[in-house]
Structure formats: C-alpha cells, structure tokens
C-alpha atoms as a PDB file:
ATOM      1  CA  MET A   1       0.070  -0.045   0.044  1.00  0.00           C
ATOM      2  CA  PRO A   2       1.188   3.687  -0.456  1.00  0.00           C
ATOM      3  CA  SER A   3       3.106   5.064   2.426  1.00  0.00           C
ATOM      4  CA  LEU A   4       1.733   8.007   4.504  1.00  0.00           C
ATOM      5  CA  SER A   5       3.903  10.491   2.499  1.00  0.00           C
ATOM      6  CA  GLN A   6       2.617   9.089  -0.672  1.00  0.00           C
ATOM      7  CA  PHE A   7      -0.949   9.428   0.570  1.00  0.00           C
ATOM      8  CA  ALA A   8      -0.240  13.009   1.640  1.00  0.00           C
ATOM      9  CA  ALA A   9       1.242  13.890  -1.758  1.00  0.00           C
ATOM     10  CA  PHE A  10      -1.641  12.197  -3.503  1.00  0.00           C
ATOM     11  CA  ALA A  11      -4.135  14.138  -1.349  1.00  0.00           C
ATOM     12  CA  LEU A  12      -2.469  17.450  -2.194  1.00  0.00           C
ATOM     13  CA  ALA A  13      -2.329  16.787  -5.950  1.00  0.00           C
ATOM     14  CA  SER A  14      -5.834  15.574  -5.982  1.00  0.00           C
ATOM     15  CA  VAL A  15      -7.149  18.777  -4.246  1.00  0.00           C
ATOM     16  CA  ILE A  16      -5.229  21.031  -6.677  1.00  0.00           C
ATOM     17  CA  PHE A  17      -6.566  19.030  -9.723  1.00  0.00           C
ATOM     18  CA  ILE A  18     -10.193  19.035  -8.461  1.00  0.00           C
ATOM     19  CA  LEU A  19     -10.177  22.610  -7.576  1.00  0.00           C
ATOM     20  CA  ILE A  20      -8.822  23.676 -11.014  1.00  0.00           C
ATOM     21  CA  PRO A  21     -11.888  24.803 -13.159  1.00  0.00           C
ATOM     22  CA  GLY A  22     -12.412  22.184 -15.774  1.00  0.00           C
ATOM     23  CA  PRO A  23     -15.289  19.945 -17.221  1.00  0.00           C
ATOM     24  CA  SER A  24     -16.562  18.787 -13.891  1.00  0.00           C
ATOM     25  CA  VAL A  25     -16.491  22.267 -12.253  1.00  0.00           C
ATOM     26  CA  LEU A  26     -18.261  23.783 -15.134  1.00  0.00           C
ATOM     27  CA  PHE A  27     -20.751  20.923 -15.208  1.00  0.00           C
ATOM     28  CA  ALA A  28     -21.450  21.450 -11.550  1.00  0.00           C
ATOM     29  CA  LEU A  29     -21.761  25.257 -11.967  1.00  0.00           C
ATOM     30  CA  GLY A  30     -24.001  24.746 -14.996  1.00  0.00           C
ATOM     31  CA  ARG A  31     -26.480  22.271 -13.409  1.00  0.00           C
ATOM     32  CA  ALA A  32     -26.659  24.470 -10.229  1.00  0.00           C
ATOM     33  CA  LEU A  33     -27.434  27.492 -12.088  1.00  0.00           C
ATOM     34  CA  THR A  34     -29.872  26.088 -14.694  1.00  0.00           C
ATOM     35  CA  ALA A  35     -31.518  22.996 -13.219  1.00  0.00           C
ATOM     36  CA  GLY A  36     -31.400  23.704  -9.485  1.00  0.00           C
ATOM     37  CA  ARG A  37     -29.390  22.420  -6.425  1.00  0.00           C
ATOM     38  CA  ARG A  38     -31.175  18.896  -6.038  1.00  0.00           C
ATOM     39  CA  GLU A  39     -30.629  17.913  -9.623  1.00  0.00           C
ATOM     40  CA  ALA A  40     -27.134  19.427  -9.631  1.00  0.00           C
ATOM     41  CA  VAL A  41     -26.066  17.322  -6.548  1.00  0.00           C
ATOM     42  CA  LEU A  42     -27.294  14.112  -8.137  1.00  0.00           C
ATOM     43  CA  ALA A  43     -25.521  14.911 -11.452  1.00  0.00           C
ATOM     44  CA  VAL A  44     -22.372  15.599  -9.449  1.00  0.00           C
ATOM     45  CA  GLY A  45     -22.769  12.067  -7.831  1.00  0.00           C
ATOM     46  CA  GLY A  46     -23.033  10.514 -11.243  1.00  0.00           C
ATOM     47  CA  ASN A  47     -19.972  12.458 -12.345  1.00  0.00           C
ATOM     48  CA  ALA A  48     -17.976  10.811  -9.521  1.00  0.00           C
ATOM     49  CA  LEU A  49     -19.241   7.459 -10.500  1.00  0.00           C
ATOM     50  CA  GLY A  50     -18.243   8.115 -14.189  1.00  0.00           C
ATOM     51  CA  GLN A  51     -14.783   9.131 -12.919  1.00  0.00           C
ATOM     52  CA  PHE A  52     -14.398   5.883 -11.096  1.00  0.00           C
ATOM     53  CA  GLY A  53     -15.225   4.005 -14.246  1.00  0.00           C
ATOM     54  CA  GLN A  54     -12.088   5.574 -15.636  1.00  0.00           C
ATOM     55  CA  VAL A  55     -10.146   4.171 -12.617  1.00  0.00           C
ATOM     56  CA  LEU A  56     -11.427   0.707 -13.344  1.00  0.00           C
ATOM     57  CA  ALA A  57     -10.307   0.837 -16.909  1.00  0.00           C
ATOM     58  CA  VAL A  58      -6.925   2.214 -15.923  1.00  0.00           C
ATOM     59  CA  ALA A  59      -6.583  -0.377 -13.207  1.00  0.00           C
ATOM     60  CA  VAL A  60      -7.185  -3.202 -15.582  1.00  0.00           C
ATOM     61  CA  GLY A  61      -4.900  -2.132 -18.317  1.00  0.00           C
ATOM     62  CA  LEU A  62      -2.290   0.079 -16.489  1.00  0.00           C
ATOM     63  CA  GLY A  63      -1.442  -1.969 -13.398  1.00  0.00           C
ATOM     64  CA  ALA A  64       0.625  -4.546 -15.383  1.00  0.00           C
ATOM     65  CA  LEU A  65       2.300  -1.804 -17.465  1.00  0.00           C
ATOM     66  CA  VAL A  66       3.442   0.123 -14.459  1.00  0.00           C
ATOM     67  CA  ALA A  67       4.919  -2.972 -12.894  1.00  0.00           C
ATOM     68  CA  ALA A  68       6.606  -4.319 -15.997  1.00  0.00           C
ATOM     69  CA  SER A  69       8.080  -1.455 -17.772  1.00  0.00           C
ATOM     70  CA  ALA A  70       9.638   1.724 -16.583  1.00  0.00           C
ATOM     71  CA  THR A  71      10.109   2.989 -20.243  1.00  0.00           C
ATOM     72  CA  ALA A  72       6.477   2.524 -20.940  1.00  0.00           C
ATOM     73  CA  PHE A  73       5.701   4.357 -17.771  1.00  0.00           C
ATOM     74  CA  THR A  74       7.852   7.122 -18.752  1.00  0.00           C
ATOM     75  CA  VAL A  75       6.085   7.443 -22.119  1.00  0.00           C
ATOM     76  CA  VAL A  76       2.737   7.568 -20.491  1.00  0.00           C
ATOM     77  CA  LYS A  77       3.847  10.053 -17.998  1.00  0.00           C
ATOM     78  CA  LEU A  78       5.410  12.458 -20.563  1.00  0.00           C
ATOM     79  CA  ILE A  79       2.335  12.247 -22.806  1.00  0.00           C
ATOM     80  CA  GLY A  80       0.174  12.902 -19.764  1.00  0.00           C
ATOM     81  CA  ALA A  81       2.393  15.833 -18.644  1.00  0.00           C
ATOM     82  CA  ALA A  82       2.128  17.412 -22.158  1.00  0.00           C
ATOM     83  CA  TYR A  83      -1.464  17.159 -22.154  1.00  0.00           C
ATOM     84  CA  VAL A  84      -1.766  18.659 -18.626  1.00  0.00           C
ATOM     85  CA  VAL A  85       0.170  21.614 -19.914  1.00  0.00           C
ATOM     86  CA  TYR A  86      -2.099  21.841 -22.937  1.00  0.00           C
ATOM     87  CA  LEU A  87      -5.171  21.814 -20.622  1.00  0.00           C
ATOM     88  CA  GLY A  88      -3.588  24.616 -18.637  1.00  0.00           C
ATOM     89  CA  ILE A  89      -3.056  26.672 -21.643  1.00  0.00           C
ATOM     90  CA  GLN A  90      -6.723  26.034 -22.821  1.00  0.00           C
ATOM     91  CA  ALA A  91      -7.912  26.996 -19.233  1.00  0.00           C
ATOM     92  CA  ILE A  92      -6.216  30.364 -19.679  1.00  0.00           C
ATOM     93  CA  ARG A  93      -7.380  30.829 -23.211  1.00  0.00           C
ATOM     94  CA  HIS A  94     -11.029  29.912 -22.285  1.00  0.00           C
ATOM     95  CA  ARG A  95     -11.057  31.524 -18.779  1.00  0.00           C
ATOM     96  CA  ALA A  96     -14.531  33.076 -19.679  1.00  0.00           C
ATOM     97  CA  ASP A  97     -16.265  29.778 -19.984  1.00  0.00           C
ATOM     98  CA  ALA A  98     -17.339  29.633 -16.319  1.00  0.00           C
ATOM     99  CA  ARG A  99     -18.778  33.044 -16.657  1.00  0.00           C
ATOM    100  CA  ALA A 100     -20.708  31.784 -19.653  1.00  0.00           C
ATOM    101  CA  ALA A 101     -22.343  29.213 -17.394  1.00  0.00           C
ATOM    102  CA  LEU A 102     -24.093  32.048 -15.579  1.00  0.00           C
ATOM    103  CA  ASP A 103     -25.861  32.968 -18.830  1.00  0.00           C
ATOM    104  CA  GLY A 104     -27.321  29.395 -19.170  1.00  0.00           C
ATOM    105  CA  GLU A 105     -31.050  29.177 -19.820  1.00  0.00           C
ATOM    106  CA  ASP A 106     -33.492  27.334 -17.574  1.00  0.00           C
ATOM    107  CA  VAL A 107     -33.952  23.656 -18.581  1.00  0.00           C
ATOM    108  CA  ALA A 108     -36.638  21.287 -17.808  1.00  0.00           C
ATOM    109  CA  ARG A 109     -36.151  18.992 -14.693  1.00  0.00           C
ATOM    110  CA  THR A 110     -35.298  15.430 -15.171  1.00  0.00           C
ATOM    111  CA  THR A 111     -35.648  12.325 -13.118  1.00  0.00           C
ATOM    112  CA  ALA A 112     -33.206  11.366 -10.448  1.00  0.00           C
ATOM    113  CA  TRP A 113     -31.803   8.668 -12.634  1.00  0.00           C
ATOM    114  CA  GLY A 114     -31.609  11.063 -15.572  1.00  0.00           C
ATOM    115  CA  ALA A 115     -29.466  13.541 -13.647  1.00  0.00           C
ATOM    116  CA  ILE A 116     -27.173  10.769 -12.345  1.00  0.00           C
ATOM    117  CA  ARG A 117     -26.807   9.295 -15.829  1.00  0.00           C
ATOM    118  CA  THR A 118     -25.941  12.774 -17.285  1.00  0.00           C
ATOM    119  CA  GLY A 119     -23.266  13.113 -14.678  1.00  0.00           C
ATOM    120  CA  MET A 120     -21.838   9.776 -15.349  1.00  0.00           C
ATOM    121  CA  ILE A 121     -21.435  10.434 -19.065  1.00  0.00           C
ATOM    122  CA  VAL A 122     -19.536  13.709 -18.245  1.00  0.00           C
ATOM    123  CA  GLY A 123     -17.385  11.928 -15.606  1.00  0.00           C
ATOM    124  CA  ALA A 124     -16.461   9.063 -17.893  1.00  0.00           C
ATOM    125  CA  THR A 125     -15.481  11.302 -20.796  1.00  0.00           C
ATOM    126  CA  ASN A 126     -13.691  14.088 -18.709  1.00  0.00           C
ATOM    127  CA  PRO A 127     -10.256  14.380 -20.326  1.00  0.00           C
ATOM    128  CA  LYS A 128      -8.717  16.128 -17.204  1.00  0.00           C
ATOM    129  CA  THR A 129      -9.398  13.073 -14.969  1.00  0.00           C
ATOM    130  CA  ILE A 130      -8.421  10.692 -17.665  1.00  0.00           C
ATOM    131  CA  VAL A 131      -4.919  12.323 -17.702  1.00  0.00           C
ATOM    132  CA  PHE A 132      -4.870  12.233 -13.860  1.00  0.00           C
ATOM    133  CA  HIS A 133      -5.711   8.567 -13.626  1.00  0.00           C
ATOM    134  CA  LEU A 134      -3.301   7.554 -16.395  1.00  0.00           C
ATOM    135  CA  ALA A 135      -0.326   9.720 -15.547  1.00  0.00           C
ATOM    136  CA  PHE A 136      -0.761  10.622 -11.828  1.00  0.00           C
ATOM    137  CA  LEU A 137      -2.083   7.585  -9.984  1.00  0.00           C
ATOM    138  CA  PRO A 138       0.885   5.218 -10.798  1.00  0.00           C
ATOM    139  CA  GLN A 139       3.270   7.874  -9.227  1.00  0.00           C
ATOM    140  CA  PHE A 140       1.700   7.425  -5.795  1.00  0.00           C
ATOM    141  CA  ILE A 141       1.720   3.629  -5.582  1.00  0.00           C
ATOM    142  CA  ASP A 142       4.270   1.256  -4.071  1.00  0.00           C
ATOM    143  CA  THR A 143       5.796  -0.570  -7.058  1.00  0.00           C
ATOM    144  CA  SER A 144       6.877  -3.516  -4.844  1.00  0.00           C
ATOM    145  CA  ALA A 145       3.222  -4.363  -4.238  1.00  0.00           C
ATOM    146  CA  PRO A 146       0.346  -5.267  -6.538  1.00  0.00           C
ATOM    147  CA  ALA A 147      -0.640  -2.012  -8.564  1.00  0.00           C
ATOM    148  CA  VAL A 148      -4.332  -2.771  -9.165  1.00  0.00           C
ATOM    149  CA  PRO A 149      -5.630  -2.689  -5.623  1.00  0.00           C
ATOM    150  CA  GLN A 150      -3.693   0.564  -4.916  1.00  0.00           C
ATOM    151  CA  ILE A 151      -5.061   2.224  -8.090  1.00  0.00           C
ATOM    152  CA  LEU A 152      -8.560   1.232  -7.229  1.00  0.00           C
ATOM    153  CA  LEU A 153      -8.155   2.560  -3.641  1.00  0.00           C
ATOM    154  CA  LEU A 154      -6.615   5.895  -4.646  1.00  0.00           C
ATOM    155  CA  GLY A 155      -9.207   6.195  -7.455  1.00  0.00           C
ATOM    156  CA  ALA A 156     -12.069   5.760  -4.998  1.00  0.00           C
ATOM    157  CA  ILE A 157     -10.562   8.370  -2.686  1.00  0.00           C
ATOM    158  CA  PHE A 158     -10.172  10.790  -5.602  1.00  0.00           C
ATOM    159  CA  SER A 159     -13.758  10.303  -6.689  1.00  0.00           C
ATOM    160  CA  ALA A 160     -15.050  10.853  -3.102  1.00  0.00           C
ATOM    161  CA  MET A 161     -12.971  14.061  -2.975  1.00  0.00           C
ATOM    162  CA  ALA A 162     -14.224  15.127  -6.241  1.00  0.00           C
ATOM    163  CA  PHE A 163     -17.903  14.600  -5.207  1.00  0.00           C
ATOM    164  CA  ALA A 164     -17.355  16.680  -1.987  1.00  0.00           C
ATOM    165  CA  CYS A 165     -15.565  19.544  -3.858  1.00  0.00           C
ATOM    166  CA  ASP A 166     -18.090  19.592  -6.844  1.00  0.00           C
ATOM    167  CA  SER A 167     -20.958  19.494  -4.272  1.00  0.00           C
ATOM    168  CA  GLY A 168     -19.361  22.497  -2.635  1.00  0.00           C
ATOM    169  CA  TRP A 169     -19.373  24.276  -6.089  1.00  0.00           C
ATOM    170  CA  VAL A 170     -23.119  23.438  -6.344  1.00  0.00           C
ATOM    171  CA  LEU A 171     -23.970  24.911  -3.008  1.00  0.00           C
ATOM    172  CA  ALA A 172     -21.817  27.990  -3.462  1.00  0.00           C
ATOM    173  CA  ALA A 173     -23.307  28.679  -6.968  1.00  0.00           C
ATOM    174  CA  SER A 174     -26.803  28.352  -5.574  1.00  0.00           C
ATOM    175  CA  ARG A 175     -26.038  30.769  -2.885  1.00  0.00           C
ATOM    176  CA  ALA A 176     -23.685  33.117  -4.746  1.00  0.00           C
ATOM    177  CA  LYS A 177     -25.582  33.582  -7.986  1.00  0.00           C
ATOM    178  CA  ALA A 178     -26.502  37.028  -7.316  1.00  0.00           C
ATOM    179  CA  TRP A 179     -22.851  37.923  -6.393  1.00  0.00           C
ATOM    180  CA  PHE A 180     -21.456  36.513  -9.545  1.00  0.00           C
ATOM    181  CA  ALA A 181     -24.156  38.079 -11.626  1.00  0.00           C
ATOM    182  CA  ARG A 182     -23.169  41.506 -10.340  1.00  0.00           C
ATOM    183  CA  LYS A 183     -19.670  41.188 -11.609  1.00  0.00           C
ATOM    184  CA  PRO A 184     -19.317  37.826 -13.800  1.00  0.00           C
ATOM    185  CA  LYS A 185     -15.782  38.513 -14.682  1.00  0.00           C
ATOM    186  CA  ARG A 186     -14.691  37.512 -11.183  1.00  0.00           C
ATOM    187  CA  LEU A 187     -14.670  34.007 -12.522  1.00  0.00           C
ATOM    188  CA  ASP A 188     -12.089  34.772 -15.249  1.00  0.00           C
ATOM    189  CA  GLY A 189      -9.295  35.306 -12.707  1.00  0.00           C
ATOM    190  CA  LEU A 190     -10.170  31.856 -11.284  1.00  0.00           C
ATOM    191  CA  GLY A 191      -9.918  30.252 -14.612  1.00  0.00           C
ATOM    192  CA  ALA A 192      -6.615  31.871 -15.528  1.00  0.00           C
ATOM    193  CA  GLY A 193      -5.006  31.079 -12.167  1.00  0.00           C
ATOM    194  CA  GLY A 194      -6.124  27.465 -12.295  1.00  0.00           C
ATOM    195  CA  GLY A 195      -4.448  27.229 -15.796  1.00  0.00           C
ATOM    196  CA  VAL A 196      -1.204  28.486 -14.583  1.00  0.00           C
ATOM    197  CA  ILE A 197      -1.340  25.946 -11.666  1.00  0.00           C
ATOM    198  CA  MET A 198      -2.158  23.122 -14.162  1.00  0.00           C
ATOM    199  CA  ILE A 199       0.931  24.116 -16.346  1.00  0.00           C
ATOM    200  CA  GLY A 200       2.975  23.870 -13.142  1.00  0.00           C
ATOM    201  CA  LEU A 201       1.645  20.457 -12.346  1.00  0.00           C
ATOM    202  CA  GLY A 202       2.496  19.215 -15.910  1.00  0.00           C
ATOM    203  CA  ALA A 203       6.008  20.414 -15.616  1.00  0.00           C
ATOM    204  CA  THR A 204       6.298  18.728 -12.196  1.00  0.00           C
ATOM    205  CA  MET A 205       4.769  15.447 -13.646  1.00  0.00           C
ATOM    206  CA  ALA A 206       7.531  15.327 -16.388  1.00  0.00           C
ATOM    207  CA  THR A 207      10.246  15.344 -13.740  1.00  0.00           C
ATOM    208  CA  VAL A 208       8.905  12.552 -11.425  1.00  0.00           C
ATOM    209  CA  SER A 209      10.827   9.331 -11.684  1.00  0.00           C
ATOM    210  CA  HIS A 210       9.316   5.740 -11.820  1.00  0.00           C
ATOM    211  CA  GLY A 211       8.318   4.530  -8.381  1.00  0.00           C
ATOM    212  CA  ALA A 212       8.829   7.960  -6.738  1.00  0.00           C
END
C-alpha cells in the first residue's frame, strides 16, 4: 500500500486537480445555475461514478504496465504531462467559460436517474481526470506491491474528494448566484489562475521518476 507520505502527496495533488476549473466544475456550476441544487447534486454524484469508471479501466490495463516497464511508464507520464500543460493553456485561453455558465437558460427538470446518468457521461469522458488517472495515480503507488488494488483505492478516494468538492461548487453557486451576476468577470481570474497551476503540475509530472 502507499506510504503516508505518498498518501499526503496524492491528497495534495488531488485537491489541486479537483479545484482547477475544468469540465466537472463547469458541469457542476451549469447544473446548479440552470437546473437547481437537487438535480445538480445528483448529477455531481453521477459524475464521480463516471470518474471511477475511468479508474477501473486504468487499473485493468495500466497496473501490469506500471509493474513491468519503466520505459512504458515514462512514455505515458510524458504524454500525460504534455496534455496537462495543454489543458492549462486551454484554461487560460477559455477562462471566460465559467462566466458563460451564468448565462445558461433554464432547462426542464429530469428524473433522479436522468440527472445521475448525465453526470456519469460527463465524468467518464472528462479528459482532465483521464490524464490524472493515467499519469498521476501510478506515481503514488508502492511498486513493490500489486498495483491494481492501490489504483482502485486511490481512485475511489479521488472520486469521493471530487464529489465533495463539486457539491461545494453546487452549494456555493446556488447561494452566490447574485454575487457572480453583479460582476461575472470575477470567474475569469479563477480560470486563468487554475490554468497556471495546471501548467506547473504538468512540468512537475514530467520530472517525477518511476516509483517515486
């Protein structure tokens, strides 16, 4: 199992990744501001389930890869790092996207399962978390122990943290809609700052060695 220091590093990286505005955050904001708090919380739960589906896929295919080949690990890591930098640049370029969510039109309410299903689709196809699970999770496991159980454990923790954080966005958006509406550009700085942090994370990923 990962050591306490690895858990601490994983928790810090996860918090940073989750807090950076991306598909899940924009999704949570959009649902809170257009469909209401109840439906948004259900959708956020579905989003977390969709993200854990990514973890299952990674655990099946990546566990053996991490254990068997440092070269393959390095290739995956560098590709992931490059894409994280790309996402950071995109976050800066499209920093007004979160502000645009405030202008969303009201939509018809759906069933509980419909809200969860929508969230699962968003979570399963979220490119930011795909990169995290592919390139980040292996860096926080003990390579002397079986990789699959550790990836599943860390993935479950990440999904739970994502659900808690995105639920916080839903509650905050529901309460602060009027504050954002008075000056929507307040969200632009959040998006740009998140992009800078993501670029830094990508650079850090590229320097981490196998089994670190």
